[in-house]
Amino acid sequence: MLAMLRQANDTILLVEDGEAEVLLVQQAVAGCPGDMHLVAVKDSGEALQWLTETTERGYPMPRLILLDLKLPKLVGLAVLRTLRLDARLQDVPIVVFSELHEPPDVVLSYQIGANSFVNKPSNLEDFTRLLNDLADMGWLKADGLHRKIEQSLPQ
């Protein structure tokens, strides 16, 4: 069910109802830079329960939330909206992913507060690449969304 033991802000919260995808993400996190820990929940209710218990225990919020767009009970966009309305999560990057991504879903995800919308990785290599890309952007470090990203203009 829910794993609650955690000592530091080293957690990725995965909101995903597919068991195969959870196993792939677990394997990808194991190979991720740093000492990341994965908490997988199946739906919005479990996600909100975990976040509440995390706060009650005095633990920091996760470094990253990976959110499947197509969830049982409450669709991913509603979960995203609920997460973004929570002041504790304002600086936590949220990456929405889906096998099917209709343009309106992508637009709404960004409007509601997703930091990224990606095709749902289908294998270990793709999940590992996604986590490495997020690590390269600094989203798995303590400064997360506060990290400045150098931009350059074409010359």
N, C-alpha and C. Protein backbone atom coordinates (compact mmCIF):
# COMPACT_ATOMS: atom_id res chain seq x y z
N MET A 1 0.84 -1.18 0.00
CA MET A 1 0.00 0.00 0.00
C MET A 1 0.89 1.24 0.00
N LEU A 2 0.85 2.07 1.04
CA LEU A 2 1.61 3.30 1.07
C LEU A 2 2.86 3.14 1.93
N ALA A 3 4.00 3.53 1.39
CA ALA A 3 5.23 3.50 2.17
C ALA A 3 5.41 4.88 2.81
N MET A 4 5.51 4.92 4.11
CA MET A 4 5.56 6.20 4.80
C MET A 4 6.94 6.56 5.35
N LEU A 5 7.85 5.60 5.44
CA LEU A 5 9.15 5.87 6.03
C LEU A 5 9.98 6.73 5.08
N ARG A 6 10.43 7.86 5.59
CA ARG A 6 11.26 8.73 4.77
C ARG A 6 12.04 9.65 5.67
N GLN A 7 13.30 9.86 5.36
CA GLN A 7 14.16 10.67 6.22
C GLN A 7 14.45 12.05 5.64
N ALA A 8 14.38 12.20 4.34
CA ALA A 8 14.77 13.47 3.73
C ALA A 8 13.92 13.74 2.50
N ASN A 9 14.14 14.90 1.92
CA ASN A 9 13.41 15.30 0.73
C ASN A 9 14.03 14.62 -0.48
N ASP A 10 13.86 13.32 -0.57
CA ASP A 10 14.48 12.54 -1.64
C ASP A 10 13.46 11.66 -2.34
N THR A 11 12.21 12.09 -2.32
CA THR A 11 11.12 11.23 -2.78
C THR A 11 10.51 11.73 -4.08
N ILE A 12 10.21 10.77 -4.94
CA ILE A 12 9.40 11.01 -6.13
C ILE A 12 8.04 10.38 -5.84
N LEU A 13 6.99 11.15 -5.96
CA LEU A 13 5.63 10.63 -5.80
C LEU A 13 5.09 10.29 -7.17
N LEU A 14 4.75 9.03 -7.37
CA LEU A 14 4.19 8.56 -8.63
C LEU A 14 2.71 8.28 -8.43
N VAL A 15 1.86 8.93 -9.21
CA VAL A 15 0.42 8.69 -9.17
C VAL A 15 0.09 7.93 -10.45
N GLU A 16 -0.03 6.60 -10.31
CA GLU A 16 -0.15 5.71 -11.48
C GLU A 16 -0.90 4.45 -11.05
N ASP A 17 -1.90 4.07 -11.83
CA ASP A 17 -2.68 2.89 -11.48
C ASP A 17 -2.21 1.61 -12.17
N GLY A 18 -1.31 1.71 -13.12
CA GLY A 18 -0.82 0.53 -13.83
C GLY A 18 0.36 -0.12 -13.13
N GLU A 19 0.20 -1.41 -12.76
CA GLU A 19 1.26 -2.10 -12.03
C GLU A 19 2.55 -2.22 -12.84
N ALA A 20 2.44 -2.48 -14.14
CA ALA A 20 3.64 -2.61 -14.97
C ALA A 20 4.41 -1.30 -15.02
N GLU A 21 3.69 -0.17 -15.13
CA GLU A 21 4.35 1.13 -15.17
C GLU A 21 5.03 1.44 -13.84
N VAL A 22 4.37 1.07 -12.74
CA VAL A 22 4.98 1.30 -11.41
C VAL A 22 6.30 0.53 -11.31
N LEU A 23 6.31 -0.72 -11.76
CA LEU A 23 7.55 -1.51 -11.72
C LEU A 23 8.64 -0.88 -12.57
N LEU A 24 8.28 -0.38 -13.75
CA LEU A 24 9.27 0.27 -14.61
C LEU A 24 9.85 1.52 -13.94
N VAL A 25 8.98 2.32 -13.32
CA VAL A 25 9.47 3.53 -12.66
C VAL A 25 10.34 3.17 -11.46
N GLN A 26 9.97 2.13 -10.71
CA GLN A 26 10.81 1.69 -9.59
C GLN A 26 12.21 1.35 -10.07
N GLN A 27 12.30 0.62 -11.17
CA GLN A 27 13.61 0.25 -11.73
C GLN A 27 14.37 1.48 -12.20
N ALA A 28 13.67 2.41 -12.84
CA ALA A 28 14.32 3.62 -13.33
C ALA A 28 14.83 4.47 -12.17
N VAL A 29 14.04 4.59 -11.11
CA VAL A 29 14.46 5.38 -9.95
C VAL A 29 15.69 4.75 -9.30
N ALA A 30 15.74 3.43 -9.26
CA ALA A 30 16.90 2.74 -8.67
C ALA A 30 18.19 3.12 -9.39
N GLY A 31 18.09 3.41 -10.69
CA GLY A 31 19.27 3.80 -11.45
C GLY A 31 19.44 5.30 -11.59
N CYS A 32 18.64 6.05 -10.86
CA CYS A 32 18.64 7.51 -10.95
C CYS A 32 19.80 8.10 -10.15
N PRO A 33 20.33 9.25 -10.59
CA PRO A 33 21.40 9.89 -9.81
C PRO A 33 20.89 10.25 -8.41
N GLY A 34 21.77 10.16 -7.44
CA GLY A 34 21.38 10.48 -6.07
C GLY A 34 20.71 9.29 -5.42
N ASP A 35 20.12 9.52 -4.27
CA ASP A 35 19.49 8.46 -3.50
C ASP A 35 17.99 8.70 -3.46
N MET A 36 17.34 8.56 -4.59
CA MET A 36 15.92 8.84 -4.68
C MET A 36 15.11 7.64 -4.20
N HIS A 37 13.93 7.96 -3.69
CA HIS A 37 13.00 6.95 -3.18
C HIS A 37 11.68 7.16 -3.91
N LEU A 38 11.02 6.09 -4.29
CA LEU A 38 9.75 6.20 -5.01
C LEU A 38 8.60 5.79 -4.10
N VAL A 39 7.58 6.63 -4.07
CA VAL A 39 6.31 6.28 -3.43
C VAL A 39 5.29 6.23 -4.55
N ALA A 40 4.65 5.08 -4.72
CA ALA A 40 3.65 4.91 -5.77
C ALA A 40 2.27 4.79 -5.15
N VAL A 41 1.35 5.60 -5.65
CA VAL A 41 -0.04 5.54 -5.23
C VAL A 41 -0.90 5.34 -6.47
N LYS A 42 -2.08 4.73 -6.30
CA LYS A 42 -2.89 4.34 -7.45
C LYS A 42 -3.89 5.38 -7.90
N ASP A 43 -4.22 6.32 -7.01
CA ASP A 43 -5.24 7.30 -7.41
C ASP A 43 -5.10 8.58 -6.58
N SER A 44 -5.98 9.51 -6.88
CA SER A 44 -5.91 10.82 -6.23
C SER A 44 -6.12 10.73 -4.73
N GLY A 45 -7.02 9.87 -4.29
CA GLY A 45 -7.28 9.74 -2.86
C GLY A 45 -6.04 9.31 -2.11
N GLU A 46 -5.33 8.30 -2.65
CA GLU A 46 -4.10 7.85 -2.01
C GLU A 46 -3.03 8.93 -2.05
N ALA A 47 -2.95 9.68 -3.15
CA ALA A 47 -1.96 10.75 -3.26
C ALA A 47 -2.20 11.81 -2.20
N LEU A 48 -3.44 12.24 -2.07
CA LEU A 48 -3.75 13.28 -1.09
C LEU A 48 -3.56 12.77 0.33
N GLN A 49 -3.90 11.50 0.58
CA GLN A 49 -3.68 10.91 1.91
C GLN A 49 -2.19 10.89 2.23
N TRP A 50 -1.37 10.47 1.27
CA TRP A 50 0.07 10.40 1.49
C TRP A 50 0.64 11.79 1.77
N LEU A 51 0.21 12.79 1.00
CA LEU A 51 0.70 14.15 1.21
C LEU A 51 0.30 14.68 2.58
N THR A 52 -0.92 14.40 3.00
CA THR A 52 -1.38 14.84 4.32
C THR A 52 -0.56 14.18 5.43
N GLU A 53 -0.36 12.86 5.32
CA GLU A 53 0.42 12.15 6.34
C GLU A 53 1.87 12.60 6.34
N THR A 54 2.40 12.92 5.17
CA THR A 54 3.77 13.43 5.08
C THR A 54 3.90 14.73 5.86
N THR A 55 2.94 15.63 5.67
CA THR A 55 2.95 16.91 6.37
C THR A 55 2.79 16.70 7.88
N GLU A 56 1.85 15.84 8.27
CA GLU A 56 1.61 15.59 9.69
C GLU A 56 2.85 15.02 10.38
N ARG A 57 3.64 14.26 9.67
CA ARG A 57 4.85 13.68 10.25
C ARG A 57 6.04 14.64 10.19
N GLY A 58 5.83 15.79 9.58
CA GLY A 58 6.90 16.78 9.51
C GLY A 58 7.91 16.54 8.41
N TYR A 59 7.61 15.65 7.49
CA TYR A 59 8.52 15.39 6.38
C TYR A 59 8.33 16.44 5.30
N PRO A 60 9.37 16.71 4.53
CA PRO A 60 9.23 17.66 3.42
C PRO A 60 8.41 17.05 2.27
N MET A 61 7.94 17.90 1.42
CA MET A 61 7.19 17.47 0.24
C MET A 61 8.13 16.73 -0.70
N PRO A 62 7.58 15.95 -1.63
CA PRO A 62 8.44 15.22 -2.57
C PRO A 62 9.20 16.19 -3.47
N ARG A 63 10.26 15.71 -4.05
CA ARG A 63 11.04 16.52 -4.99
C ARG A 63 10.33 16.65 -6.32
N LEU A 64 9.52 15.63 -6.66
CA LEU A 64 8.90 15.56 -7.98
C LEU A 64 7.64 14.73 -7.86
N ILE A 65 6.62 15.12 -8.65
CA ILE A 65 5.41 14.32 -8.76
C ILE A 65 5.25 13.92 -10.22
N LEU A 66 5.14 12.61 -10.45
CA LEU A 66 4.83 12.08 -11.78
C LEU A 66 3.36 11.68 -11.75
N LEU A 67 2.57 12.25 -12.64
CA LEU A 67 1.12 12.09 -12.60
C LEU A 67 0.59 11.54 -13.91
N ASP A 68 -0.02 10.37 -13.85
CA ASP A 68 -0.67 9.78 -15.02
C ASP A 68 -1.96 10.57 -15.28
N LEU A 69 -2.19 10.95 -16.51
CA LEU A 69 -3.37 11.73 -16.85
C LEU A 69 -4.65 10.91 -16.74
N LYS A 70 -4.57 9.64 -17.08
CA LYS A 70 -5.76 8.77 -17.09
C LYS A 70 -5.77 7.93 -15.82
N LEU A 71 -6.52 8.37 -14.82
CA LEU A 71 -6.59 7.69 -13.53
C LEU A 71 -8.01 7.27 -13.22
N PRO A 72 -8.16 6.23 -12.37
CA PRO A 72 -9.52 5.88 -11.92
C PRO A 72 -10.00 6.91 -10.90
N LYS A 73 -11.28 6.95 -10.70
CA LYS A 73 -11.94 7.82 -9.73
C LYS A 73 -11.92 9.28 -10.16
N LEU A 74 -10.78 9.92 -10.10
CA LEU A 74 -10.67 11.34 -10.43
C LEU A 74 -9.61 11.48 -11.52
N VAL A 75 -9.97 12.07 -12.65
CA VAL A 75 -9.03 12.17 -13.77
C VAL A 75 -7.82 13.01 -13.38
N GLY A 76 -6.72 12.77 -14.10
CA GLY A 76 -5.46 13.42 -13.80
C GLY A 76 -5.53 14.93 -13.77
N LEU A 77 -6.33 15.54 -14.66
CA LEU A 77 -6.42 17.01 -14.66
C LEU A 77 -7.03 17.53 -13.36
N ALA A 78 -7.99 16.81 -12.81
CA ALA A 78 -8.59 17.21 -11.53
C ALA A 78 -7.59 17.03 -10.40
N VAL A 79 -6.81 15.96 -10.46
CA VAL A 79 -5.77 15.73 -9.46
C VAL A 79 -4.73 16.85 -9.55
N LEU A 80 -4.32 17.17 -10.77
CA LEU A 80 -3.35 18.24 -10.98
C LEU A 80 -3.85 19.55 -10.38
N ARG A 81 -5.10 19.87 -10.64
CA ARG A 81 -5.67 21.11 -10.09
C ARG A 81 -5.64 21.10 -8.57
N THR A 82 -6.02 19.97 -7.96
CA THR A 82 -6.01 19.85 -6.51
C THR A 82 -4.59 20.02 -5.97
N LEU A 83 -3.62 19.40 -6.63
CA LEU A 83 -2.23 19.51 -6.18
C LEU A 83 -1.72 20.95 -6.30
N ARG A 84 -2.06 21.62 -7.39
CA ARG A 84 -1.57 22.98 -7.59
C ARG A 84 -2.24 23.99 -6.66
N LEU A 85 -3.41 23.67 -6.15
CA LEU A 85 -4.07 24.56 -5.19
C LEU A 85 -3.49 24.41 -3.79
N ASP A 86 -2.68 23.38 -3.58
CA ASP A 86 -2.06 23.12 -2.28
C ASP A 86 -0.78 23.95 -2.18
N ALA A 87 -0.76 24.91 -1.27
CA ALA A 87 0.38 25.82 -1.12
C ALA A 87 1.69 25.07 -0.84
N ARG A 88 1.60 23.91 -0.20
CA ARG A 88 2.81 23.14 0.12
C ARG A 88 3.53 22.64 -1.14
N LEU A 89 2.80 22.59 -2.26
CA LEU A 89 3.35 21.98 -3.47
C LEU A 89 3.69 23.00 -4.56
N GLN A 90 3.68 24.27 -4.23
CA GLN A 90 3.91 25.30 -5.24
C GLN A 90 5.26 25.17 -5.94
N ASP A 91 6.28 24.72 -5.23
CA ASP A 91 7.62 24.62 -5.82
C ASP A 91 7.99 23.20 -6.24
N VAL A 92 7.05 22.28 -6.14
CA VAL A 92 7.32 20.89 -6.52
C VAL A 92 6.98 20.72 -8.01
N PRO A 93 7.96 20.29 -8.81
CA PRO A 93 7.67 20.05 -10.22
C PRO A 93 6.67 18.90 -10.38
N ILE A 94 5.69 19.11 -11.26
CA ILE A 94 4.72 18.07 -11.57
C ILE A 94 4.81 17.77 -13.07
N VAL A 95 5.10 16.50 -13.36
CA VAL A 95 5.20 16.05 -14.75
C VAL A 95 3.99 15.16 -15.02
N VAL A 96 3.18 15.56 -15.98
CA VAL A 96 2.01 14.80 -16.39
C VAL A 96 2.42 13.94 -17.58
N PHE A 97 1.98 12.68 -17.57
CA PHE A 97 2.26 11.83 -18.72
C PHE A 97 1.02 11.03 -19.09
N SER A 98 0.94 10.67 -20.38
CA SER A 98 -0.20 9.92 -20.87
C SER A 98 0.18 9.21 -22.17
N GLU A 99 -0.43 8.03 -22.36
CA GLU A 99 -0.24 7.32 -23.63
C GLU A 99 -0.94 8.08 -24.74
N LEU A 100 -2.13 8.56 -24.44
CA LEU A 100 -2.90 9.35 -25.41
C LEU A 100 -2.86 10.80 -24.95
N HIS A 101 -2.40 11.65 -25.81
CA HIS A 101 -2.36 13.06 -25.41
C HIS A 101 -3.04 13.91 -26.47
N GLU A 102 -4.28 14.21 -26.15
CA GLU A 102 -5.06 15.09 -27.01
C GLU A 102 -4.56 16.51 -26.79
N PRO A 103 -4.46 17.32 -27.84
CA PRO A 103 -4.00 18.70 -27.66
C PRO A 103 -4.72 19.47 -26.54
N PRO A 104 -6.06 19.32 -26.40
CA PRO A 104 -6.70 20.04 -25.28
C PRO A 104 -6.19 19.58 -23.91
N ASP A 105 -5.86 18.29 -23.76
CA ASP A 105 -5.32 17.80 -22.49
C ASP A 105 -3.96 18.43 -22.20
N VAL A 106 -3.14 18.55 -23.23
CA VAL A 106 -1.81 19.15 -23.05
C VAL A 106 -1.96 20.61 -22.64
N VAL A 107 -2.79 21.35 -23.38
CA VAL A 107 -2.99 22.78 -23.08
C VAL A 107 -3.55 22.96 -21.68
N LEU A 108 -4.58 22.19 -21.34
CA LEU A 108 -5.17 22.30 -20.00
C LEU A 108 -4.17 21.93 -18.90
N SER A 109 -3.35 20.93 -19.15
CA SER A 109 -2.34 20.53 -18.15
C SER A 109 -1.42 21.70 -17.83
N TYR A 110 -0.94 22.38 -18.87
CA TYR A 110 -0.07 23.53 -18.64
C TYR A 110 -0.82 24.69 -17.99
N GLN A 111 -2.04 24.92 -18.41
CA GLN A 111 -2.83 26.01 -17.81
C GLN A 111 -3.10 25.76 -16.33
N ILE A 112 -3.32 24.51 -15.97
CA ILE A 112 -3.62 24.18 -14.57
C ILE A 112 -2.36 24.20 -13.71
N GLY A 113 -1.20 23.97 -14.32
CA GLY A 113 0.02 24.08 -13.52
C GLY A 113 1.05 22.98 -13.70
N ALA A 114 0.91 22.14 -14.72
CA ALA A 114 1.95 21.14 -14.97
C ALA A 114 3.23 21.85 -15.39
N ASN A 115 4.34 21.30 -14.96
CA ASN A 115 5.63 21.84 -15.39
C ASN A 115 6.10 21.20 -16.68
N SER A 116 5.56 20.01 -16.96
CA SER A 116 5.90 19.32 -18.19
C SER A 116 4.80 18.32 -18.52
N PHE A 117 4.62 18.05 -19.79
CA PHE A 117 3.69 17.03 -20.26
C PHE A 117 4.46 16.17 -21.26
N VAL A 118 4.54 14.87 -20.97
CA VAL A 118 5.34 13.98 -21.82
C VAL A 118 4.52 12.76 -22.22
N ASN A 119 4.95 12.13 -23.32
CA ASN A 119 4.37 10.83 -23.68
C ASN A 119 4.73 9.85 -22.58
N LYS A 120 3.79 9.00 -22.23
CA LYS A 120 4.05 8.02 -21.18
C LYS A 120 5.14 7.06 -21.66
N PRO A 121 6.26 7.02 -20.95
CA PRO A 121 7.30 6.07 -21.35
C PRO A 121 6.76 4.65 -21.30
N SER A 122 7.18 3.83 -22.27
CA SER A 122 6.63 2.48 -22.36
C SER A 122 7.60 1.39 -21.95
N ASN A 123 8.85 1.78 -21.66
CA ASN A 123 9.83 0.76 -21.27
C ASN A 123 10.84 1.38 -20.30
N LEU A 124 11.69 0.54 -19.75
CA LEU A 124 12.65 0.99 -18.75
C LEU A 124 13.60 2.06 -19.30
N GLU A 125 14.06 1.86 -20.51
CA GLU A 125 14.98 2.83 -21.13
C GLU A 125 14.33 4.21 -21.22
N ASP A 126 13.06 4.26 -21.62
CA ASP A 126 12.38 5.56 -21.76
C ASP A 126 12.13 6.21 -20.40
N PHE A 127 11.73 5.42 -19.38
CA PHE A 127 11.53 5.98 -18.05
C PHE A 127 12.86 6.48 -17.49
N THR A 128 13.94 5.72 -17.71
CA THR A 128 15.25 6.14 -17.22
C THR A 128 15.69 7.43 -17.90
N ARG A 129 15.45 7.53 -19.20
CA ARG A 129 15.80 8.75 -19.93
C ARG A 129 15.01 9.94 -19.39
N LEU A 130 13.72 9.75 -19.12
CA LEU A 130 12.90 10.82 -18.57
C LEU A 130 13.46 11.29 -17.22
N LEU A 131 13.78 10.37 -16.33
CA LEU A 131 14.31 10.75 -15.02
C LEU A 131 15.67 11.43 -15.15
N ASN A 132 16.50 10.95 -16.06
CA ASN A 132 17.80 11.59 -16.27
C ASN A 132 17.63 13.00 -16.83
N ASP A 133 16.68 13.19 -17.74
CA ASP A 133 16.40 14.53 -18.27
C ASP A 133 15.93 15.46 -17.15
N LEU A 134 15.06 14.96 -16.27
CA LEU A 134 14.57 15.77 -15.15
C LEU A 134 15.71 16.09 -14.19
N ALA A 135 16.60 15.13 -13.99
CA ALA A 135 17.77 15.37 -13.13
C ALA A 135 18.67 16.43 -13.76
N ASP A 136 18.87 16.34 -15.08
CA ASP A 136 19.70 17.33 -15.78
C ASP A 136 19.14 18.74 -15.65
N MET A 137 17.81 18.84 -15.59
CA MET A 137 17.17 20.16 -15.43
C MET A 137 17.22 20.65 -13.99
N GLY A 138 17.66 19.78 -13.08
CA GLY A 138 17.76 20.17 -11.68
C GLY A 138 16.50 19.91 -10.88
N TRP A 139 15.52 19.25 -11.45
CA TRP A 139 14.25 19.04 -10.76
C TRP A 139 14.32 17.97 -9.68
N LEU A 140 15.41 17.22 -9.62
CA LEU A 140 15.55 16.21 -8.58
C LEU A 140 16.52 16.67 -7.49
N LYS A 141 16.91 17.93 -7.54
CA LYS A 141 17.79 18.50 -6.52
C LYS A 141 16.97 19.34 -5.56
N ALA A 142 17.60 19.70 -4.47
CA ALA A 142 16.89 20.44 -3.42
C ALA A 142 16.32 21.77 -3.91
N ASP A 143 17.00 22.43 -4.85
CA ASP A 143 16.49 23.72 -5.31
C ASP A 143 15.43 23.60 -6.39
N GLY A 144 15.25 22.40 -6.94
CA GLY A 144 14.16 22.09 -7.85
C GLY A 144 13.79 23.18 -8.83
N LEU A 145 12.58 23.71 -8.69
CA LEU A 145 12.09 24.73 -9.62
C LEU A 145 12.76 26.07 -9.43
N HIS A 146 13.51 26.26 -8.35
CA HIS A 146 14.18 27.54 -8.12
C HIS A 146 15.48 27.65 -8.89
N ARG A 147 15.94 26.54 -9.44
CA ARG A 147 17.21 26.54 -10.17
C ARG A 147 17.06 27.37 -11.45
N LYS A 148 18.00 28.26 -11.66
CA LYS A 148 17.98 29.07 -12.88
C LYS A 148 18.54 28.25 -14.03
N ILE A 149 17.86 28.32 -15.14
CA ILE A 149 18.31 27.61 -16.33
C ILE A 149 18.89 28.62 -17.30
N GLU A 150 20.13 28.40 -17.67
CA GLU A 150 20.78 29.31 -18.60
C GLU A 150 20.08 29.26 -19.96
N GLN A 151 19.82 30.41 -20.50
CA GLN A 151 19.21 30.48 -21.83
C GLN A 151 20.16 31.22 -22.75
N SER A 152 20.19 30.81 -23.98
CA SER A 152 21.02 31.50 -24.94
C SER A 152 20.20 31.83 -26.16
N LEU A 153 20.54 32.92 -26.77
CA LEU A 153 19.85 33.34 -27.99
C LEU A 153 20.68 32.94 -29.18
N PRO A 154 20.03 32.50 -30.26
CA PRO A 154 20.80 32.15 -31.46
C PRO A 154 21.51 33.38 -32.00
N GLN A 155 22.73 33.18 -32.46
CA GLN A 155 23.50 34.32 -32.98
C GLN A 155 23.55 34.31 -34.47
